[in-house]
Amino acid sequence: MNIKRCGIYIACLDPVIGKEISKTRPVVIISNDINNKYAGTVTVLPITSKNLNKIYPFEVFLPRGEGNLPKDSKVRADQIRTLDKSRIISELGIIESQYIKKIEKAMTIHLDI
């Protein structure tokens, strides 16, 4: 599978510990394409369709259909994870640049950089 930055993929995040976001779910790839091509890992942000009534500064709302998401969702920049590529199950779609800019801002806020 050719994994690309800004792509939405289905990934298995289990097993987890404590407050780490779990289950098989959509994730957005945030690692660069050189890493994605040559490394055995990718860095992702999980996507959830829960608790959409509040969007924090480290979260980004994505409407249903964006990147082929089946439901309104949000990206959780506070849950940055590096995954082995074997956890990536399938490709869902690509996020538009307007949302990528918002995701990058959310990561900047979360990491205070």
PDB file of N, CA and C in Angstrom:
ATOM      1  N   MET A   1       0.843  -1.184   0.000  1.00  0.00           N
ATOM      2  CA  MET A   1       0.000   0.000   0.000  1.00  0.00           C
ATOM      3  C   MET A   1       0.887   1.247   0.000  1.00  0.00           C
ATOM      4  N   ASN A   2       0.558   2.196  -0.837  1.00  0.00           N
ATOM      5  CA  ASN A   2       1.297   3.452  -0.947  1.00  0.00           C
ATOM      6  C   ASN A   2       0.666   4.475   0.002  1.00  0.00           C
ATOM      7  N   ILE A   3       1.230   4.603   1.191  1.00  0.00           N
ATOM      8  CA  ILE A   3       0.667   5.470   2.231  1.00  0.00           C
ATOM      9  C   ILE A   3       1.151   6.899   2.011  1.00  0.00           C
ATOM     10  N   LYS A   4       0.204   7.841   1.970  1.00  0.00           N
ATOM     11  CA  LYS A   4       0.510   9.237   1.667  1.00  0.00           C
ATOM     12  C   LYS A   4       0.126  10.165   2.814  1.00  0.00           C
ATOM     13  N   ARG A   5       0.933  11.214   2.996  1.00  0.00           N
ATOM     14  CA  ARG A   5       0.604  12.259   3.963  1.00  0.00           C
ATOM     15  C   ARG A   5      -0.729  12.889   3.563  1.00  0.00           C
ATOM     16  N   CYS A   6      -1.528  13.214   4.534  1.00  0.00           N
ATOM     17  CA  CYS A   6      -2.863  13.806   4.366  1.00  0.00           C
ATOM     18  C   CYS A   6      -3.916  12.782   3.980  1.00  0.00           C
ATOM     19  N   GLY A   7      -3.526  11.526   3.863  1.00  0.00           N
ATOM     20  CA  GLY A   7      -4.499  10.488   3.570  1.00  0.00           C
ATOM     21  C   GLY A   7      -5.219  10.038   4.825  1.00  0.00           C
ATOM     22  N   ILE A   8      -6.458   9.611   4.632  1.00  0.00           N
ATOM     23  CA  ILE A   8      -7.212   8.989   5.718  1.00  0.00           C
ATOM     24  C   ILE A   8      -7.208   7.490   5.459  1.00  0.00           C
ATOM     25  N   TYR A   9      -6.811   6.739   6.477  1.00  0.00           N
ATOM     26  CA  TYR A   9      -6.717   5.286   6.396  1.00  0.00           C
ATOM     27  C   TYR A   9      -7.454   4.682   7.581  1.00  0.00           C
ATOM     28  N   ILE A  10      -7.877   3.460   7.433  1.00  0.00           N
ATOM     29  CA  ILE A  10      -8.432   2.706   8.552  1.00  0.00           C
ATOM     30  C   ILE A  10      -7.263   1.981   9.210  1.00  0.00           C
ATOM     31  N   ALA A  11      -7.134   2.127  10.536  1.00  0.00           N
ATOM     32  CA  ALA A  11      -6.022   1.523  11.266  1.00  0.00           C
ATOM     33  C   ALA A  11      -6.530   0.868  12.543  1.00  0.00           C
ATOM     34  N   CYS A  12      -5.864  -0.195  12.932  1.00  0.00           N
ATOM     35  CA  CYS A  12      -6.156  -0.877  14.191  1.00  0.00           C
ATOM     36  C   CYS A  12      -5.257  -0.276  15.271  1.00  0.00           C
ATOM     37  N   LEU A  13      -5.849   0.406  16.236  1.00  0.00           N
ATOM     38  CA  LEU A  13      -5.074   1.069  17.286  1.00  0.00           C
ATOM     39  C   LEU A  13      -4.929   0.230  18.550  1.00  0.00           C
ATOM     40  N   ASP A  14      -5.590  -0.911  18.609  1.00  0.00           N
ATOM     41  CA  ASP A  14      -5.490  -1.779  19.786  1.00  0.00           C
ATOM     42  C   ASP A  14      -4.253  -2.660  19.697  1.00  0.00           C
ATOM     43  N   PRO A  15      -3.642  -3.028  20.813  1.00  0.00           N
ATOM     44  CA  PRO A  15      -4.028  -2.727  22.189  1.00  0.00           C
ATOM     45  C   PRO A  15      -3.561  -1.333  22.606  1.00  0.00           C
ATOM     46  N   VAL A  16      -4.237  -0.797  23.598  1.00  0.00           N
ATOM     47  CA  VAL A  16      -3.909   0.516  24.147  1.00  0.00           C
ATOM     48  C   VAL A  16      -3.815   0.413  25.663  1.00  0.00           C
ATOM     49  N   ILE A  17      -3.339   1.484  26.275  1.00  0.00           N
ATOM     50  CA  ILE A  17      -3.267   1.573  27.733  1.00  0.00           C
ATOM     51  C   ILE A  17      -3.936   2.879  28.150  1.00  0.00           C
ATOM     52  N   GLY A  18      -4.704   2.828  29.219  1.00  0.00           N
ATOM     53  CA  GLY A  18      -5.276   4.039  29.810  1.00  0.00           C
ATOM     54  C   GLY A  18      -6.159   4.839  28.874  1.00  0.00           C
ATOM     55  N   LYS A  19      -5.844   6.112  28.711  1.00  0.00           N
ATOM     56  CA  LYS A  19      -6.676   7.054  27.960  1.00  0.00           C
ATOM     57  C   LYS A  19      -6.337   7.123  26.470  1.00  0.00           C
ATOM     58  N   GLU A  20      -5.456   6.246  25.986  1.00  0.00           N
ATOM     59  CA  GLU A  20      -5.153   6.235  24.553  1.00  0.00           C
ATOM     60  C   GLU A  20      -6.410   5.866  23.770  1.00  0.00           C
ATOM     61  N   ILE A  21      -6.625   6.534  22.649  1.00  0.00           N
ATOM     62  CA  ILE A  21      -7.795   6.261  21.818  1.00  0.00           C
ATOM     63  C   ILE A  21      -7.638   4.876  21.186  1.00  0.00           C
ATOM     64  N   SER A  22      -8.720   4.110  21.173  1.00  0.00           N
ATOM     65  CA  SER A  22      -8.636   2.692  20.803  1.00  0.00           C
ATOM     66  C   SER A  22      -9.492   2.364  19.589  1.00  0.00           C
ATOM     67  N   LYS A  23      -9.590   1.109  19.312  1.00  0.00           N
ATOM     68  CA  LYS A  23     -10.423   0.488  18.280  1.00  0.00           C
ATOM     69  C   LYS A  23      -9.813   0.615  16.880  1.00  0.00           C
ATOM     70  N   THR A  24     -10.461  -0.037  15.949  1.00  0.00           N
ATOM     71  CA  THR A  24     -10.146   0.130  14.537  1.00  0.00           C
ATOM     72  C   THR A  24     -10.945   1.330  14.067  1.00  0.00           C
ATOM     73  N   ARG A  25     -10.246   2.344  13.525  1.00  0.00           N
ATOM     74  CA  ARG A  25     -10.883   3.623  13.231  1.00  0.00           C
ATOM     75  C   ARG A  25     -10.105   4.364  12.148  1.00  0.00           C
ATOM     76  N   PRO A  26     -10.693   5.421  11.611  1.00  0.00           N
ATOM     77  CA  PRO A  26      -9.946   6.256  10.665  1.00  0.00           C
ATOM     78  C   PRO A  26      -8.835   7.026  11.380  1.00  0.00           C
ATOM     79  N   VAL A  27      -7.745   7.212  10.655  1.00  0.00           N
ATOM     80  CA  VAL A  27      -6.631   8.044  11.112  1.00  0.00           C
ATOM     81  C   VAL A  27      -6.177   8.891   9.928  1.00  0.00           C
ATOM     82  N   VAL A  28      -5.579  10.039  10.226  1.00  0.00           N
ATOM     83  CA  VAL A  28      -4.969  10.843   9.170  1.00  0.00           C
ATOM     84  C   VAL A  28      -3.460  10.726   9.313  1.00  0.00           C
ATOM     85  N   ILE A  29      -2.780  10.494   8.194  1.00  0.00           N
ATOM     86  CA  ILE A  29      -1.321  10.362   8.183  1.00  0.00           C
ATOM     87  C   ILE A  29      -0.717  11.758   8.232  1.00  0.00           C
ATOM     88  N   ILE A  30       0.186  11.997   9.194  1.00  0.00           N
ATOM     89  CA  ILE A  30       0.846  13.298   9.304  1.00  0.00           C
ATOM     90  C   ILE A  30       2.348  13.213   9.065  1.00  0.00           C
ATOM     91  N   SER A  31       2.905  12.006   9.011  1.00  0.00           N
ATOM     92  CA  SER A  31       4.333  11.881   8.710  1.00  0.00           C
ATOM     93  C   SER A  31       4.566  12.209   7.237  1.00  0.00           C
ATOM     94  N   ASN A  32       5.787  12.637   6.923  1.00  0.00           N
ATOM     95  CA  ASN A  32       6.087  13.056   5.552  1.00  0.00           C
ATOM     96  C   ASN A  32       6.206  11.852   4.614  1.00  0.00           C
ATOM     97  N   ASP A  33       6.082  12.111   3.318  1.00  0.00           N
ATOM     98  CA  ASP A  33       6.026  11.022   2.346  1.00  0.00           C
ATOM     99  C   ASP A  33       7.345  10.266   2.186  1.00  0.00           C
ATOM    100  N   ILE A  34       8.478  10.887   2.499  1.00  0.00           N
ATOM    101  CA  ILE A  34       9.746  10.141   2.465  1.00  0.00           C
ATOM    102  C   ILE A  34       9.736   9.101   3.577  1.00  0.00           C
ATOM    103  N   ASN A  35       9.347   9.511   4.779  1.00  0.00           N
ATOM    104  CA  ASN A  35       9.190   8.555   5.876  1.00  0.00           C
ATOM    105  C   ASN A  35       8.196   7.471   5.492  1.00  0.00           C
ATOM    106  N   ASN A  36       7.060   7.880   4.957  1.00  0.00           N
ATOM    107  CA  ASN A  36       5.993   6.932   4.647  1.00  0.00           C
ATOM    108  C   ASN A  36       6.429   5.895   3.615  1.00  0.00           C
ATOM    109  N   LYS A  37       7.338   6.272   2.732  1.00  0.00           N
ATOM    110  CA  LYS A  37       7.821   5.341   1.704  1.00  0.00           C
ATOM    111  C   LYS A  37       8.870   4.374   2.252  1.00  0.00           C
ATOM    112  N   TYR A  38       9.805   4.875   3.058  1.00  0.00           N
ATOM    113  CA  TYR A  38      10.972   4.073   3.425  1.00  0.00           C
ATOM    114  C   TYR A  38      10.946   3.488   4.838  1.00  0.00           C
ATOM    115  N   ALA A  39      10.268   4.131   5.767  1.00  0.00           N
ATOM    116  CA  ALA A  39      10.265   3.641   7.151  1.00  0.00           C
ATOM    117  C   ALA A  39       9.205   2.559   7.331  1.00  0.00           C
ATOM    118  N   GLY A  40       9.343   1.810   8.375  1.00  0.00           N
ATOM    119  CA  GLY A  40       8.354   0.781   8.701  1.00  0.00           C
ATOM    120  C   GLY A  40       7.208   1.304   9.543  1.00  0.00           C
ATOM    121  N   THR A  41       7.255   2.614   9.843  1.00  0.00           N
ATOM    122  CA  THR A  41       6.228   3.230  10.680  1.00  0.00           C
ATOM    123  C   THR A  41       5.668   4.478  10.007  1.00  0.00           C
ATOM    124  N   VAL A  42       4.484   4.890  10.460  1.00  0.00           N
ATOM    125  CA  VAL A  42       3.871   6.153  10.041  1.00  0.00           C
ATOM    126  C   VAL A  42       3.329   6.849  11.286  1.00  0.00           C
ATOM    127  N   THR A  43       3.283   8.167  11.240  1.00  0.00           N
ATOM    128  CA  THR A  43       2.738   8.933  12.352  1.00  0.00           C
ATOM    129  C   THR A  43       1.338   9.398  11.976  1.00  0.00           C
ATOM    130  N   VAL A  44       0.402   9.214  12.909  1.00  0.00           N
ATOM    131  CA  VAL A  44      -1.012   9.447  12.615  1.00  0.00           C
ATOM    132  C   VAL A  44      -1.684  10.257  13.717  1.00  0.00           C
ATOM    133  N   LEU A  45      -2.833  10.805  13.366  1.00  0.00           N
ATOM    134  CA  LEU A  45      -3.769  11.375  14.330  1.00  0.00           C
ATOM    135  C   LEU A  45      -5.068  10.604  14.186  1.00  0.00           C
ATOM    136  N   PRO A  46      -5.618  10.105  15.278  1.00  0.00           N
ATOM    137  CA  PRO A  46      -6.886   9.374  15.188  1.00  0.00           C
ATOM    138  C   PRO A  46      -8.061  10.311  14.913  1.00  0.00           C
ATOM    139  N   ILE A  47      -9.089   9.745  14.320  1.00  0.00           N
ATOM    140  CA  ILE A  47     -10.320  10.460  13.999  1.00  0.00           C
ATOM    141  C   ILE A  47     -11.461   9.772  14.738  1.00  0.00           C
ATOM    142  N   THR A  48     -12.337  10.577  15.349  1.00  0.00           N
ATOM    143  CA  THR A  48     -13.483  10.037  16.072  1.00  0.00           C
ATOM    144  C   THR A  48     -14.760  10.752  15.644  1.00  0.00           C
ATOM    145  N   SER A  49     -15.863  10.047  15.746  1.00  0.00           N
ATOM    146  CA  SER A  49     -17.168  10.664  15.473  1.00  0.00           C
ATOM    147  C   SER A  49     -17.935  10.913  16.779  1.00  0.00           C
ATOM    148  N   LYS A  50     -17.281  10.746  17.907  1.00  0.00           N
ATOM    149  CA  LYS A  50     -17.903  10.939  19.225  1.00  0.00           C
ATOM    150  C   LYS A  50     -17.630  12.344  19.762  1.00  0.00           C
ATOM    151  N   ASN A  51     -18.513  12.803  20.644  1.00  0.00           N
ATOM    152  CA  ASN A  51     -18.345  14.069  21.376  1.00  0.00           C
ATOM    153  C   ASN A  51     -18.100  15.267  20.455  1.00  0.00           C
ATOM    154  N   LEU A  52     -18.908  15.399  19.432  1.00  0.00           N
ATOM    155  CA  LEU A  52     -18.740  16.491  18.477  1.00  0.00           C
ATOM    156  C   LEU A  52     -19.358  17.801  18.961  1.00  0.00           C
ATOM    157  N   ASN A  53     -20.031  17.760  20.107  1.00  0.00           N
ATOM    158  CA  ASN A  53     -20.645  18.978  20.634  1.00  0.00           C
ATOM    159  C   ASN A  53     -19.610  19.990  21.105  1.00  0.00           C
ATOM    160  N   LYS A  54     -18.382  19.551  21.335  1.00  0.00           N
ATOM    161  CA  LYS A  54     -17.298  20.436  21.757  1.00  0.00           C
ATOM    162  C   LYS A  54     -16.065  20.115  20.924  1.00  0.00           C
ATOM    163  N   ILE A  55     -15.533  21.133  20.241  1.00  0.00           N
ATOM    164  CA  ILE A  55     -14.301  20.983  19.472  1.00  0.00           C
ATOM    165  C   ILE A  55     -13.249  21.862  20.151  1.00  0.00           C
ATOM    166  N   TYR A  56     -12.234  21.243  20.717  1.00  0.00           N
ATOM    167  CA  TYR A  56     -11.166  21.959  21.407  1.00  0.00           C
ATOM    168  C   TYR A  56     -10.161  22.509  20.393  1.00  0.00           C
ATOM    169  N   PRO A  57      -9.297  23.446  20.805  1.00  0.00           N
ATOM    170  CA  PRO A  57      -8.311  24.010  19.873  1.00  0.00           C
ATOM    171  C   PRO A  57      -7.342  22.973  19.294  1.00  0.00           C
ATOM    172  N   PHE A  58      -7.169  21.843  19.970  1.00  0.00           N
ATOM    173  CA  PHE A  58      -6.289  20.786  19.470  1.00  0.00           C
ATOM    174  C   PHE A  58      -7.068  19.728  18.685  1.00  0.00           C
ATOM    175  N   GLU A  59      -8.297  20.045  18.301  1.00  0.00           N
ATOM    176  CA  GLU A  59      -9.134  19.157  17.497  1.00  0.00           C
ATOM    177  C   GLU A  59      -9.614  19.903  16.254  1.00  0.00           C
ATOM    178  N   VAL A  60      -9.909  19.150  15.192  1.00  0.00           N
ATOM    179  CA  VAL A  60     -10.388  19.747  13.944  1.00  0.00           C
ATOM    180  C   VAL A  60     -11.621  18.985  13.481  1.00  0.00           C
ATOM    181  N   PHE A  61     -12.708  19.717  13.273  1.00  0.00           N
ATOM    182  CA  PHE A  61     -13.942  19.125  12.769  1.00  0.00           C
ATOM    183  C   PHE A  61     -13.793  18.801  11.287  1.00  0.00           C
ATOM    184  N   LEU A  62     -14.226  17.597  10.902  1.00  0.00           N
ATOM    185  CA  LEU A  62     -14.292  17.187   9.496  1.00  0.00           C
ATOM    186  C   LEU A  62     -15.729  16.780   9.190  1.00  0.00           C
ATOM    187  N   PRO A  63     -16.360  17.405   8.197  1.00  0.00           N
ATOM    188  CA  PRO A  63     -17.737  17.037   7.874  1.00  0.00           C
ATOM    189  C   PRO A  63     -17.808  15.672   7.188  1.00  0.00           C
ATOM    190  N   ARG A  64     -18.957  15.043   7.322  1.00  0.00           N
ATOM    191  CA  ARG A  64     -19.204  13.770   6.629  1.00  0.00           C
ATOM    192  C   ARG A  64     -18.877  13.952   5.151  1.00  0.00           C
ATOM    193  N   GLY A  65     -18.192  12.966   4.583  1.00  0.00           N
ATOM    194  CA  GLY A  65     -17.816  13.021   3.176  1.00  0.00           C
ATOM    195  C   GLY A  65     -16.394  13.499   2.950  1.00  0.00           C
ATOM    196  N   GLU A  66     -15.859  14.310   3.863  1.00  0.00           N
ATOM    197  CA  GLU A  66     -14.472  14.755   3.714  1.00  0.00           C
ATOM    198  C   GLU A  66     -13.563  13.540   3.802  1.00  0.00           C
ATOM    199  N   GLY A  67     -12.736  13.332   2.800  1.00  0.00           N
ATOM    200  CA  GLY A  67     -11.864  12.155   2.770  1.00  0.00           C
ATOM    201  C   GLY A  67     -12.640  10.854   2.812  1.00  0.00           C
ATOM    202  N   ASN A  68     -13.901  10.906   2.371  1.00  0.00           N
ATOM    203  CA  ASN A  68     -14.803   9.740   2.363  1.00  0.00           C
ATOM    204  C   ASN A  68     -15.205   9.266   3.757  1.00  0.00           C
ATOM    205  N   LEU A  69     -15.127  10.146   4.748  1.00  0.00           N
ATOM    206  CA  LEU A  69     -15.589   9.777   6.090  1.00  0.00           C
ATOM    207  C   LEU A  69     -17.102   9.567   6.068  1.00  0.00           C
ATOM    208  N   PRO A  70     -17.590   8.499   6.694  1.00  0.00           N
ATOM    209  CA  PRO A  70     -19.026   8.214   6.665  1.00  0.00           C
ATOM    210  C   PRO A  70     -19.861   9.081   7.611  1.00  0.00           C
ATOM    211  N   LYS A  71     -19.212   9.754   8.571  1.00  0.00           N
ATOM    212  CA  LYS A  71     -19.927  10.559   9.570  1.00  0.00           C
ATOM    213  C   LYS A  71     -19.165  11.854   9.819  1.00  0.00           C
ATOM    214  N   ASP A  72     -19.874  12.875  10.326  1.00  0.00           N
ATOM    215  CA  ASP A  72     -19.174  14.035  10.872  1.00  0.00           C
ATOM    216  C   ASP A  72     -18.192  13.517  11.917  1.00  0.00           C
ATOM    217  N   SER A  73     -16.992  14.095  11.942  1.00  0.00           N
ATOM    218  CA  SER A  73     -15.929  13.572  12.806  1.00  0.00           C
ATOM    219  C   SER A  73     -15.021  14.703  13.254  1.00  0.00           C
ATOM    220  N   LYS A  74     -14.069  14.348  14.118  1.00  0.00           N
ATOM    221  CA  LYS A  74     -13.022  15.291  14.473  1.00  0.00           C
ATOM    222  C   LYS A  74     -11.692  14.566  14.569  1.00  0.00           C
ATOM    223  N   VAL A  75     -10.636  15.294  14.184  1.00  0.00           N
ATOM    224  CA  VAL A  75      -9.261  14.806  14.281  1.00  0.00           C
ATOM    225  C   VAL A  75      -8.749  15.181  15.658  1.00  0.00           C
ATOM    226  N   ARG A  76      -8.093  14.234  16.332  1.00  0.00           N
ATOM    227  CA  ARG A  76      -7.581  14.447  17.692  1.00  0.00           C
ATOM    228  C   ARG A  76      -6.062  14.655  17.654  1.00  0.00           C
ATOM    229  N   ALA A  77      -5.622  15.916  17.573  1.00  0.00           N
ATOM    230  CA  ALA A  77      -4.191  16.212  17.547  1.00  0.00           C
ATOM    231  C   ALA A  77      -3.523  15.965  18.890  1.00  0.00           C
ATOM    232  N   ASP A  78      -4.301  15.757  19.943  1.00  0.00           N
ATOM    233  CA  ASP A  78      -3.739  15.446  21.256  1.00  0.00           C
ATOM    234  C   ASP A  78      -3.416  13.964  21.403  1.00  0.00           C
ATOM    235  N   GLN A  79      -3.688  13.169  20.376  1.00  0.00           N
ATOM    236  CA  GLN A  79      -3.469  11.717  20.439  1.00  0.00           C
ATOM    237  C   GLN A  79      -2.491  11.256  19.352  1.00  0.00           C
ATOM    238  N   ILE A  80      -1.434  12.042  19.120  1.00  0.00           N
ATOM    239  CA  ILE A  80      -0.431  11.704  18.100  1.00  0.00           C
ATOM    240  C   ILE A  80       0.164  10.340  18.411  1.00  0.00           C
ATOM    241  N   ARG A  81       0.229   9.480  17.373  1.00  0.00           N
ATOM    242  CA  ARG A  81       0.798   8.135  17.557  1.00  0.00           C
ATOM    243  C   ARG A  81       1.626   7.744  16.348  1.00  0.00           C
ATOM    244  N   THR A  82       2.674   7.005  16.611  1.00  0.00           N
ATOM    245  CA  THR A  82       3.438   6.377  15.542  1.00  0.00           C
ATOM    246  C   THR A  82       3.077   4.906  15.532  1.00  0.00           C
ATOM    247  N   LEU A  83       2.680   4.426  14.351  1.00  0.00           N
ATOM    248  CA  LEU A  83       2.209   3.051  14.196  1.00  0.00           C
ATOM    249  C   LEU A  83       3.100   2.276  13.246  1.00  0.00           C
ATOM    250  N   ASP A  84       3.238   0.989  13.510  1.00  0.00           N
ATOM    251  CA  ASP A  84       3.815   0.100  12.517  1.00  0.00           C
ATOM    252  C   ASP A  84       2.864   0.063  11.327  1.00  0.00           C
ATOM    253  N   LYS A  85       3.408   0.019  10.122  1.00  0.00           N
ATOM    254  CA  LYS A  85       2.560   0.019   8.926  1.00  0.00           C
ATOM    255  C   LYS A  85       1.602  -1.167   8.878  1.00  0.00           C
ATOM    256  N   SER A  86       1.915  -2.235   9.589  1.00  0.00           N
ATOM    257  CA  SER A  86       1.020  -3.398   9.576  1.00  0.00           C
ATOM    258  C   SER A  86      -0.324  -3.091  10.246  1.00  0.00           C
ATOM    259  N   ARG A  87      -0.404  -2.001  11.012  1.00  0.00           N
ATOM    260  CA  ARG A  87      -1.670  -1.602  11.636  1.00  0.00           C
ATOM    261  C   ARG A  87      -2.611  -0.897  10.646  1.00  0.00           C
ATOM    262  N   ILE A  88      -2.083  -0.466   9.504  1.00  0.00           N
ATOM    263  CA  ILE A  88      -2.892   0.209   8.489  1.00  0.00           C
ATOM    264  C   ILE A  88      -3.622  -0.853   7.677  1.00  0.00           C
ATOM    265  N   ILE A  89      -4.948  -0.763   7.645  1.00  0.00           N
ATOM    266  CA  ILE A  89      -5.776  -1.789   7.008  1.00  0.00           C
ATOM    267  C   ILE A  89      -6.162  -1.412   5.584  1.00  0.00           C
ATOM    268  N   SER A  90      -6.647  -0.183   5.403  1.00  0.00           N
ATOM    269  CA  SER A  90      -7.104   0.225   4.068  1.00  0.00           C
ATOM    270  C   SER A  90      -7.116   1.743   3.953  1.00  0.00           C
ATOM    271  N   GLU A  91      -7.157   2.210   2.707  1.00  0.00           N
ATOM    272  CA  GLU A  91      -7.226   3.645   2.430  1.00  0.00           C
ATOM    273  C   GLU A  91      -8.682   4.073   2.316  1.00  0.00           C
ATOM    274  N   LEU A  92      -8.985   5.251   2.879  1.00  0.00           N
ATOM    275  CA  LEU A  92     -10.342   5.780   2.810  1.00  0.00           C
ATOM    276  C   LEU A  92     -10.426   6.962   1.843  1.00  0.00           C
ATOM    277  N   GLY A  93      -9.489   7.906   1.941  1.00  0.00           N
ATOM    278  CA  GLY A  93      -9.523   9.086   1.076  1.00  0.00           C
ATOM    279  C   GLY A  93      -8.420  10.064   1.420  1.00  0.00           C
ATOM    280  N   ILE A  94      -8.519  11.270   0.857  1.00  0.00           N
ATOM    281  CA  ILE A  94      -7.531  12.327   1.064  1.00  0.00           C
ATOM    282  C   ILE A  94      -8.242  13.545   1.644  1.00  0.00           C
ATOM    283  N   ILE A  95      -7.590  14.228   2.579  1.00  0.00           N
ATOM    284  CA  ILE A  95      -8.145  15.437   3.189  1.00  0.00           C
ATOM    285  C   ILE A  95      -7.770  16.647   2.337  1.00  0.00           C
ATOM    286  N   GLU A  96      -8.714  17.562   2.147  1.00  0.00           N
ATOM    287  CA  GLU A  96      -8.470  18.798   1.407  1.00  0.00           C
ATOM    288  C   GLU A  96      -7.510  19.703   2.178  1.00  0.00           C
ATOM    289  N   SER A  97      -6.781  20.543   1.420  1.00  0.00           N
ATOM    290  CA  SER A  97      -5.737  21.380   2.013  1.00  0.00           C
ATOM    291  C   SER A  97      -6.267  22.327   3.088  1.00  0.00           C
ATOM    292  N   GLN A  98      -7.511  22.810   2.961  1.00  0.00           N
ATOM    293  CA  GLN A  98      -8.037  23.716   3.989  1.00  0.00           C
ATOM    294  C   GLN A  98      -8.088  23.039   5.352  1.00  0.00           C
ATOM    295  N   TYR A  99      -8.369  21.740   5.381  1.00  0.00           N
ATOM    296  CA  TYR A  99      -8.412  21.007   6.643  1.00  0.00           C
ATOM    297  C   TYR A  99      -7.008  20.643   7.117  1.00  0.00           C
ATOM    298  N   ILE A 100      -6.100  20.392   6.192  1.00  0.00           N
ATOM    299  CA  ILE A 100      -4.714  20.097   6.576  1.00  0.00           C
ATOM    300  C   ILE A 100      -4.130  21.289   7.328  1.00  0.00           C
ATOM    301  N   LYS A 101      -4.367  22.489   6.839  1.00  0.00           N
ATOM    302  CA  LYS A 101      -3.864  23.687   7.530  1.00  0.00           C
ATOM    303  C   LYS A 101      -4.424  23.773   8.951  1.00  0.00           C
ATOM    304  N   LYS A 102      -5.689  23.443   9.128  1.00  0.00           N
ATOM    305  CA  LYS A 102      -6.297  23.453  10.456  1.00  0.00           C
ATOM    306  C   LYS A 102      -5.696  22.368  11.348  1.00  0.00           C
ATOM    307  N   ILE A 103      -5.411  21.197  10.767  1.00  0.00           N
ATOM    308  CA  ILE A 103      -4.793  20.103  11.524  1.00  0.00           C
ATOM    309  C   ILE A 103      -3.388  20.497  11.956  1.00  0.00           C
ATOM    310  N   GLU A 104      -2.619  21.107  11.047  1.00  0.00           N
ATOM    311  CA  GLU A 104      -1.272  21.557  11.397  1.00  0.00           C
ATOM    312  C   GLU A 104      -1.325  22.596  12.521  1.00  0.00           C
ATOM    313  N   LYS A 105      -2.304  23.496  12.475  1.00  0.00           N
ATOM    314  CA  LYS A 105      -2.453  24.488  13.547  1.00  0.00           C
ATOM    315  C   LYS A 105      -2.810  23.807  14.862  1.00  0.00           C
ATOM    316  N   ALA A 106      -3.700  22.825  14.821  1.00  0.00           N
ATOM    317  CA  ALA A 106      -4.081  22.094  16.035  1.00  0.00           C
ATOM    318  C   ALA A 106      -2.875  21.372  16.642  1.00  0.00           C
ATOM    319  N   MET A 107      -2.008  20.795  15.787  1.00  0.00           N
ATOM    320  CA  MET A 107      -0.793  20.138  16.293  1.00  0.00           C
ATOM    321  C   MET A 107       0.137  21.165  16.928  1.00  0.00           C
ATOM    322  N   THR A 108       0.265  22.332  16.306  1.00  0.00           N
ATOM    323  CA  THR A 108       1.102  23.399  16.853  1.00  0.00           C
ATOM    324  C   THR A 108       0.599  23.827  18.228  1.00  0.00           C
ATOM    325  N   ILE A 109      -0.711  23.961  18.361  1.00  0.00           N
ATOM    326  CA  ILE A 109      -1.298  24.326  19.660  1.00  0.00           C
ATOM    327  C   ILE A 109      -1.024  23.232  20.687  1.00  0.00           C
ATOM    328  N   HIS A 110      -1.284  21.985  20.317  1.00  0.00           N
ATOM    329  CA  HIS A 110      -1.102  20.881  21.266  1.00  0.00           C
ATOM    330  C   HIS A 110       0.355  20.742  21.709  1.00  0.00           C
ATOM    331  N   LEU A 111       1.279  20.875  20.769  1.00  0.00           N
ATOM    332  CA  LEU A 111       2.701  20.678  21.080  1.00  0.00           C
ATOM    333  C   LEU A 111       3.386  21.958  21.561  1.00  0.00           C
ATOM    334  N   ASP A 112       2.675  23.088  21.502  1.00  0.00           N
ATOM    335  CA  ASP A 112       3.215  24.381  21.912  1.00  0.00           C
ATOM    336  C   ASP A 112       4.502  24.698  21.162  1.00  0.00           C
ATOM    337  N   ILE A 113       4.451  24.546  19.841  1.00  0.00           N
ATOM    338  CA  ILE A 113       5.627  24.860  19.007  1.00  0.00           C
ATOM    339  C   ILE A 113       5.284  25.919  17.972  1.00  0.00           C
TER     340      ILE A 113
END
